[in-house]
Amino acid sequence: NDPEFKDYSGTGRCYAGRAKIYYILGRYDKAMADSKKALTSGSAEGHGYNVAEVHRYLGKIYFKTGKREEAEKEFKQAIKLYAGKTGSKIKRLAISGYTGRGLCYLDLKEYDRAISDFEKIIELNTPYKQGKSRGYAEAQKNLGLVYWKMGKIEKGNEYFENAIKLFEKEGKKYSAKELRETLKTGDISGLLT
């Protein structure tokens, strides 16, 4: 709503991107302010950012700042928005819906629902085709994360190992390295979701 940028339609995308960076840096006040600006900057449609994802990050911010009730409200809003995508005949959209919703369930500790969504991504990508299977390796990583959080470390490690192999095949060396470090240290807190 800044008059200086009134003719620029990508303002919301910029705020959403910067909000994620502030979140990663632990600057939650700035992350929250930018997330709210992203939501009030007009329509996201066609401008490269996802309103559901902004709500998901607001939920994560509220959790980090001890505001559980507000966090749950934001996650539920994100879940509602992601659910609208899961039925899409466009596979890419359906997968992004299941991924986002699964991550919300993960943050809400609704592990069975998270598992169901991440398994649906794998199902949509079966048989696996290198370079053509959207979200397949990420779903393996996210399933590993869910099982770790449930205390089923061995099962989680199997998914992490699968994800490492897939990330390497896809040329996503940083993602593979990140998971190898997790397996080595036993610390899942640094994994980006």
C-alpha atoms as a PDB file:
ATOM      1  CA  ASN A   1       0.000   0.000   0.000  1.00  0.00           C
ATOM      2  CA  ASP A   2       3.052   2.234  -0.282  1.00  0.00           C
ATOM      3  CA  PRO A   3       2.186   5.016  -2.767  1.00  0.00           C
ATOM      4  CA  GLU A   4       5.740   4.879  -4.113  1.00  0.00           C
ATOM      5  CA  PHE A   5       5.054   1.361  -5.410  1.00  0.00           C
ATOM      6  CA  LYS A   6       1.408   1.789  -6.474  1.00  0.00           C
ATOM      7  CA  ASP A   7       2.145   0.749 -10.065  1.00  0.00           C
ATOM      8  CA  TYR A   8       4.259  -2.252  -9.114  1.00  0.00           C
ATOM      9  CA  SER A   9       2.240  -5.458  -8.894  1.00  0.00           C
ATOM     10  CA  GLY A  10       5.000  -7.612  -7.349  1.00  0.00           C
ATOM     11  CA  THR A  11       5.190  -5.867  -3.973  1.00  0.00           C
ATOM     12  CA  GLY A  12       3.494  -8.727  -2.103  1.00  0.00           C
ATOM     13  CA  ARG A  13       5.979 -11.243  -3.494  1.00  0.00           C
ATOM     14  CA  CYS A  14       8.867  -9.088  -2.265  1.00  0.00           C
ATOM     15  CA  TYR A  15       7.400  -8.774   1.224  1.00  0.00           C
ATOM     16  CA  ALA A  16       6.690 -12.525   1.362  1.00  0.00           C
ATOM     17  CA  GLY A  17      10.253 -13.375   0.318  1.00  0.00           C
ATOM     18  CA  ARG A  18      11.819 -10.963   2.775  1.00  0.00           C
ATOM     19  CA  ALA A  19       9.534 -12.251   5.549  1.00  0.00           C
ATOM     20  CA  LYS A  20      10.915 -15.774   5.015  1.00  0.00           C
ATOM     21  CA  ILE A  21      14.467 -14.477   5.255  1.00  0.00           C
ATOM     22  CA  TYR A  22      13.689 -12.593   8.470  1.00  0.00           C
ATOM     23  CA  TYR A  23      12.083 -15.767   9.846  1.00  0.00           C
ATOM     24  CA  ILE A  24      15.183 -17.829   9.079  1.00  0.00           C
ATOM     25  CA  LEU A  25      17.343 -15.151  10.715  1.00  0.00           C
ATOM     26  CA  GLY A  26      15.159 -15.220  13.831  1.00  0.00           C
ATOM     27  CA  ARG A  27      13.964 -11.638  13.372  1.00  0.00           C
ATOM     28  CA  TYR A  28      10.364 -12.527  14.036  1.00  0.00           C
ATOM     29  CA  ASP A  29       9.032  -8.989  14.503  1.00  0.00           C
ATOM     30  CA  LYS A  30      10.230  -7.985  11.038  1.00  0.00           C
ATOM     31  CA  ALA A  31       9.089 -11.322   9.564  1.00  0.00           C
ATOM     32  CA  MET A  32       5.618 -10.764  10.964  1.00  0.00           C
ATOM     33  CA  ALA A  33       5.425  -7.182   9.681  1.00  0.00           C
ATOM     34  CA  ASP A  34       6.469  -8.202   6.164  1.00  0.00           C
ATOM     35  CA  SER A  35       4.103 -11.192   6.146  1.00  0.00           C
ATOM     36  CA  LYS A  36       1.204  -8.923   7.017  1.00  0.00           C
ATOM     37  CA  LYS A  37       2.258  -6.465   4.307  1.00  0.00           C
ATOM     38  CA  ALA A  38       2.371  -9.336   1.798  1.00  0.00           C
ATOM     39  CA  LEU A  39      -1.213 -10.229   2.683  1.00  0.00           C
ATOM     40  CA  THR A  40      -2.434  -6.648   2.266  1.00  0.00           C
ATOM     41  CA  SER A  41      -0.526  -5.863  -0.938  1.00  0.00           C
ATOM     42  CA  GLY A  42      -3.279  -6.940  -3.284  1.00  0.00           C
ATOM     43  CA  SER A  43      -3.835 -10.175  -5.137  1.00  0.00           C
ATOM     44  CA  ALA A  44      -1.070 -12.772  -5.151  1.00  0.00           C
ATOM     45  CA  GLU A  45      -2.466 -14.419  -8.245  1.00  0.00           C
ATOM     46  CA  GLY A  46       0.113 -14.373 -10.993  1.00  0.00           C
ATOM     47  CA  HIS A  47       2.685 -12.565  -8.897  1.00  0.00           C
ATOM     48  CA  GLY A  48       4.815 -15.510  -7.807  1.00  0.00           C
ATOM     49  CA  TYR A  49       3.907 -15.911  -4.165  1.00  0.00           C
ATOM     50  CA  ASN A  50       1.458 -18.016  -2.312  1.00  0.00           C
ATOM     51  CA  VAL A  51      -0.973 -16.551   0.219  1.00  0.00           C
ATOM     52  CA  ALA A  52      -1.293 -19.953   1.922  1.00  0.00           C
ATOM     53  CA  GLU A  53       2.470 -20.033   2.427  1.00  0.00           C
ATOM     54  CA  VAL A  54       2.410 -16.542   3.954  1.00  0.00           C
ATOM     55  CA  HIS A  55      -0.212 -17.769   6.453  1.00  0.00           C
ATOM     56  CA  ARG A  56       1.931 -20.855   7.162  1.00  0.00           C
ATOM     57  CA  TYR A  57       4.949 -18.688   7.925  1.00  0.00           C
ATOM     58  CA  LEU A  58       2.839 -16.425  10.127  1.00  0.00           C
ATOM     59  CA  GLY A  59       1.853 -19.573  12.026  1.00  0.00           C
ATOM     60  CA  LYS A  60       5.518 -20.522  12.413  1.00  0.00           C
ATOM     61  CA  ILE A  61       6.338 -16.981  13.599  1.00  0.00           C
ATOM     62  CA  TYR A  62       3.545 -17.025  16.164  1.00  0.00           C
ATOM     63  CA  PHE A  63       4.736 -20.424  17.450  1.00  0.00           C
ATOM     64  CA  LYS A  64       8.292 -19.118  17.789  1.00  0.00           C
ATOM     65  CA  THR A  65       7.045 -16.098  19.723  1.00  0.00           C
ATOM     66  CA  GLY A  66       4.878 -18.170  22.077  1.00  0.00           C
ATOM     67  CA  LYS A  67       1.497 -17.207  20.615  1.00  0.00           C
ATOM     68  CA  ARG A  68       0.071 -20.681  20.126  1.00  0.00           C
ATOM     69  CA  GLU A  69      -3.563 -19.646  19.624  1.00  0.00           C
ATOM     70  CA  GLU A  70      -2.669 -17.183  16.857  1.00  0.00           C
ATOM     71  CA  ALA A  71      -0.338 -19.777  15.328  1.00  0.00           C
ATOM     72  CA  GLU A  72      -3.076 -22.376  15.145  1.00  0.00           C
ATOM     73  CA  LYS A  73      -5.425 -19.837  13.545  1.00  0.00           C
ATOM     74  CA  GLU A  74      -2.861 -19.036  10.831  1.00  0.00           C
ATOM     75  CA  PHE A  75      -2.087 -22.719  10.209  1.00  0.00           C
ATOM     76  CA  LYS A  76      -5.795 -23.501   9.882  1.00  0.00           C
ATOM     77  CA  GLN A  77      -6.189 -20.663   7.374  1.00  0.00           C
ATOM     78  CA  ALA A  78      -3.213 -22.000   5.407  1.00  0.00           C
ATOM     79  CA  ILE A  79      -4.619 -25.542   5.526  1.00  0.00           C
ATOM     80  CA  LYS A  80      -7.924 -24.282   4.132  1.00  0.00           C
ATOM     81  CA  LEU A  81      -6.126 -22.502   1.279  1.00  0.00           C
ATOM     82  CA  TYR A  82      -3.829 -25.457   0.538  1.00  0.00           C
ATOM     83  CA  ALA A  83      -6.807 -27.835   0.534  1.00  0.00           C
ATOM     84  CA  GLY A  84      -8.191 -25.928  -2.428  1.00  0.00           C
ATOM     85  CA  LYS A  85      -5.152 -26.997  -4.438  1.00  0.00           C
ATOM     86  CA  THR A  86      -4.990 -30.673  -3.517  1.00  0.00           C
ATOM     87  CA  GLY A  87      -7.807 -31.612  -5.870  1.00  0.00           C
ATOM     88  CA  SER A  88      -6.261 -29.865  -8.855  1.00  0.00           C
ATOM     89  CA  LYS A  89      -5.847 -31.842 -12.060  1.00  0.00           C
ATOM     90  CA  ILE A  90      -2.614 -29.904 -12.550  1.00  0.00           C
ATOM     91  CA  LYS A  91      -0.160 -32.173 -10.750  1.00  0.00           C
ATOM     92  CA  ARG A  92       2.218 -29.341  -9.808  1.00  0.00           C
ATOM     93  CA  LEU A  93      -0.593 -27.477  -8.013  1.00  0.00           C
ATOM     94  CA  ALA A  94      -1.870 -30.579  -6.239  1.00  0.00           C
ATOM     95  CA  ILE A  95       1.643 -31.409  -5.035  1.00  0.00           C
ATOM     96  CA  SER A  96       2.210 -27.879  -3.726  1.00  0.00           C
ATOM     97  CA  GLY A  97      -1.115 -28.136  -1.880  1.00  0.00           C
ATOM     98  CA  TYR A  98      -0.216 -31.445  -0.251  1.00  0.00           C
ATOM     99  CA  THR A  99       3.281 -30.201   0.613  1.00  0.00           C
ATOM    100  CA  GLY A 100       2.088 -26.989   2.241  1.00  0.00           C
ATOM    101  CA  ARG A 101      -0.761 -28.644   4.084  1.00  0.00           C
ATOM    102  CA  GLY A 102       1.520 -31.461   5.259  1.00  0.00           C
ATOM    103  CA  LEU A 103       4.014 -28.929   6.622  1.00  0.00           C
ATOM    104  CA  CYS A 104       1.200 -27.182   8.511  1.00  0.00           C
ATOM    105  CA  TYR A 105       0.142 -30.503  10.023  1.00  0.00           C
ATOM    106  CA  LEU A 106       3.775 -31.167  10.930  1.00  0.00           C
ATOM    107  CA  ASP A 107       3.996 -27.837  12.775  1.00  0.00           C
ATOM    108  CA  LEU A 108       0.683 -28.567  14.522  1.00  0.00           C
ATOM    109  CA  LYS A 109       2.035 -32.015  15.536  1.00  0.00           C
ATOM    110  CA  GLU A 110      -0.791 -33.724  13.644  1.00  0.00           C
ATOM    111  CA  TYR A 111       1.658 -36.338  12.430  1.00  0.00           C
ATOM    112  CA  ASP A 112      -0.768 -38.864  10.925  1.00  0.00           C
ATOM    113  CA  ARG A 113      -2.262 -36.166   8.715  1.00  0.00           C
ATOM    114  CA  ALA A 114       1.207 -34.948   7.705  1.00  0.00           C
ATOM    115  CA  ILE A 115       2.234 -38.498   6.792  1.00  0.00           C
ATOM    116  CA  SER A 116      -0.905 -38.912   4.693  1.00  0.00           C
ATOM    117  CA  ASP A 117      -0.194 -35.731   2.698  1.00  0.00           C
ATOM    118  CA  PHE A 118       3.489 -36.520   2.137  1.00  0.00           C
ATOM    119  CA  GLU A 119       2.642 -40.075   1.071  1.00  0.00           C
ATOM    120  CA  LYS A 120       0.118 -38.644  -1.408  1.00  0.00           C
ATOM    121  CA  ILE A 121       2.954 -36.662  -3.037  1.00  0.00           C
ATOM    122  CA  ILE A 122       4.931 -39.877  -3.464  1.00  0.00           C
ATOM    123  CA  GLU A 123       1.852 -41.577  -4.918  1.00  0.00           C
ATOM    124  CA  LEU A 124       1.350 -38.728  -7.416  1.00  0.00           C
ATOM    125  CA  ASN A 125       4.983 -39.123  -8.499  1.00  0.00           C
ATOM    126  CA  THR A 126       4.986 -42.906  -8.875  1.00  0.00           C
ATOM    127  CA  PRO A 127       6.715 -44.207 -10.877  1.00  0.00           C
ATOM    128  CA  TYR A 128       9.584 -41.850 -10.083  1.00  0.00           C
ATOM    129  CA  LYS A 129      11.046 -40.081 -13.118  1.00  0.00           C
ATOM    130  CA  GLN A 130      14.254 -38.167 -12.548  1.00  0.00           C
ATOM    131  CA  GLY A 131      13.792 -34.488 -13.296  1.00  0.00           C
ATOM    132  CA  LYS A 132      10.031 -34.886 -13.714  1.00  0.00           C
ATOM    133  CA  SER A 133       8.906 -35.863 -10.220  1.00  0.00           C
ATOM    134  CA  ARG A 134       8.012 -32.653  -8.419  1.00  0.00           C
ATOM    135  CA  GLY A 135       8.381 -32.718  -4.675  1.00  0.00           C
ATOM    136  CA  TYR A 136       9.280 -36.423  -4.496  1.00  0.00           C
ATOM    137  CA  ALA A 137      12.628 -35.985  -2.731  1.00  0.00           C
ATOM    138  CA  GLU A 138      11.176 -33.262  -0.474  1.00  0.00           C
ATOM    139  CA  ALA A 139       8.321 -35.597   0.483  1.00  0.00           C
ATOM    140  CA  GLN A 140      10.874 -38.264   1.453  1.00  0.00           C
ATOM    141  CA  LYS A 141      12.732 -35.673   3.565  1.00  0.00           C
ATOM    142  CA  ASN A 142       9.508 -34.470   5.173  1.00  0.00           C
ATOM    143  CA  LEU A 143       8.426 -38.027   6.005  1.00  0.00           C
ATOM    144  CA  GLY A 144      11.813 -38.538   7.643  1.00  0.00           C
ATOM    145  CA  LEU A 145      11.242 -35.406   9.672  1.00  0.00           C
ATOM    146  CA  VAL A 146       7.776 -36.532  10.782  1.00  0.00           C
ATOM    147  CA  TYR A 147       9.061 -39.912  11.919  1.00  0.00           C
ATOM    148  CA  TRP A 148      11.948 -38.292  13.798  1.00  0.00           C
ATOM    149  CA  LYS A 149       9.503 -36.000  15.601  1.00  0.00           C
ATOM    150  CA  MET A 150       7.402 -39.062  16.467  1.00  0.00           C
ATOM    151  CA  GLY A 151      10.492 -40.683  17.998  1.00  0.00           C
ATOM    152  CA  LYS A 152      10.768 -43.283  15.210  1.00  0.00           C
ATOM    153  CA  ILE A 153      14.361 -42.374  14.363  1.00  0.00           C
ATOM    154  CA  GLU A 154      15.238 -45.525  12.415  1.00  0.00           C
ATOM    155  CA  LYS A 155      12.231 -45.181  10.113  1.00  0.00           C
ATOM    156  CA  GLY A 156      12.971 -41.465   9.732  1.00  0.00           C
ATOM    157  CA  ASN A 157      16.563 -42.257   8.786  1.00  0.00           C
ATOM    158  CA  GLU A 158      15.353 -44.568   5.990  1.00  0.00           C
ATOM    159  CA  TYR A 159      13.395 -41.690   4.467  1.00  0.00           C
ATOM    160  CA  PHE A 160      16.337 -39.319   4.928  1.00  0.00           C
ATOM    161  CA  GLU A 161      18.642 -41.809   3.144  1.00  0.00           C
ATOM    162  CA  ASN A 162      16.155 -42.085   0.256  1.00  0.00           C
ATOM    163  CA  ALA A 163      15.928 -38.299   0.065  1.00  0.00           C
ATOM    164  CA  ILE A 164      19.735 -37.937   0.020  1.00  0.00           C
ATOM    165  CA  LYS A 165      19.997 -40.304  -2.964  1.00  0.00           C
ATOM    166  CA  LEU A 166      17.204 -38.493  -4.797  1.00  0.00           C
ATOM    167  CA  PHE A 167      18.633 -35.036  -4.105  1.00  0.00           C
ATOM    168  CA  GLU A 168      22.007 -36.201  -5.427  1.00  0.00           C
ATOM    169  CA  LYS A 169      20.389 -37.600  -8.600  1.00  0.00           C
ATOM    170  CA  GLU A 170      18.592 -34.276  -9.090  1.00  0.00           C
ATOM    171  CA  GLY A 171      21.784 -32.255  -8.566  1.00  0.00           C
ATOM    172  CA  LYS A 172      20.511 -30.704  -5.327  1.00  0.00           C
ATOM    173  CA  LYS A 173      23.808 -31.071  -3.508  1.00  0.00           C
ATOM    174  CA  TYR A 174      22.993 -28.634  -0.699  1.00  0.00           C
ATOM    175  CA  SER A 175      19.815 -30.504   0.228  1.00  0.00           C
ATOM    176  CA  ALA A 176      21.714 -33.809   0.268  1.00  0.00           C
ATOM    177  CA  LYS A 177      24.486 -32.258   2.390  1.00  0.00           C
ATOM    178  CA  GLU A 178      21.937 -30.796   4.820  1.00  0.00           C
ATOM    179  CA  LEU A 179      20.430 -34.254   5.400  1.00  0.00           C
ATOM    180  CA  ARG A 180      23.822 -35.946   5.727  1.00  0.00           C
ATOM    181  CA  GLU A 181      24.675 -33.405   8.450  1.00  0.00           C
ATOM    182  CA  THR A 182      21.379 -34.142  10.172  1.00  0.00           C
ATOM    183  CA  LEU A 183      22.131 -37.869  10.194  1.00  0.00           C
ATOM    184  CA  LYS A 184      25.645 -37.212  11.479  1.00  0.00           C
ATOM    185  CA  THR A 185      24.658 -34.800  14.265  1.00  0.00           C
ATOM    186  CA  GLY A 186      21.218 -36.141  15.123  1.00  0.00           C
ATOM    187  CA  ASP A 187      19.889 -32.569  15.087  1.00  0.00           C
ATOM    188  CA  ILE A 188      16.806 -31.902  12.961  1.00  0.00           C
ATOM    189  CA  SER A 189      16.308 -28.318  14.140  1.00  0.00           C
ATOM    190  CA  GLY A 190      18.296 -26.862  11.251  1.00  0.00           C
ATOM    191  CA  LEU A 191      16.237 -28.475   8.493  1.00  0.00           C
ATOM    192  CA  LEU A 192      14.307 -25.922   6.484  1.00  0.00           C
ATOM    193  CA  THR A 193      10.612 -26.627   5.976  1.00  0.00           C
END
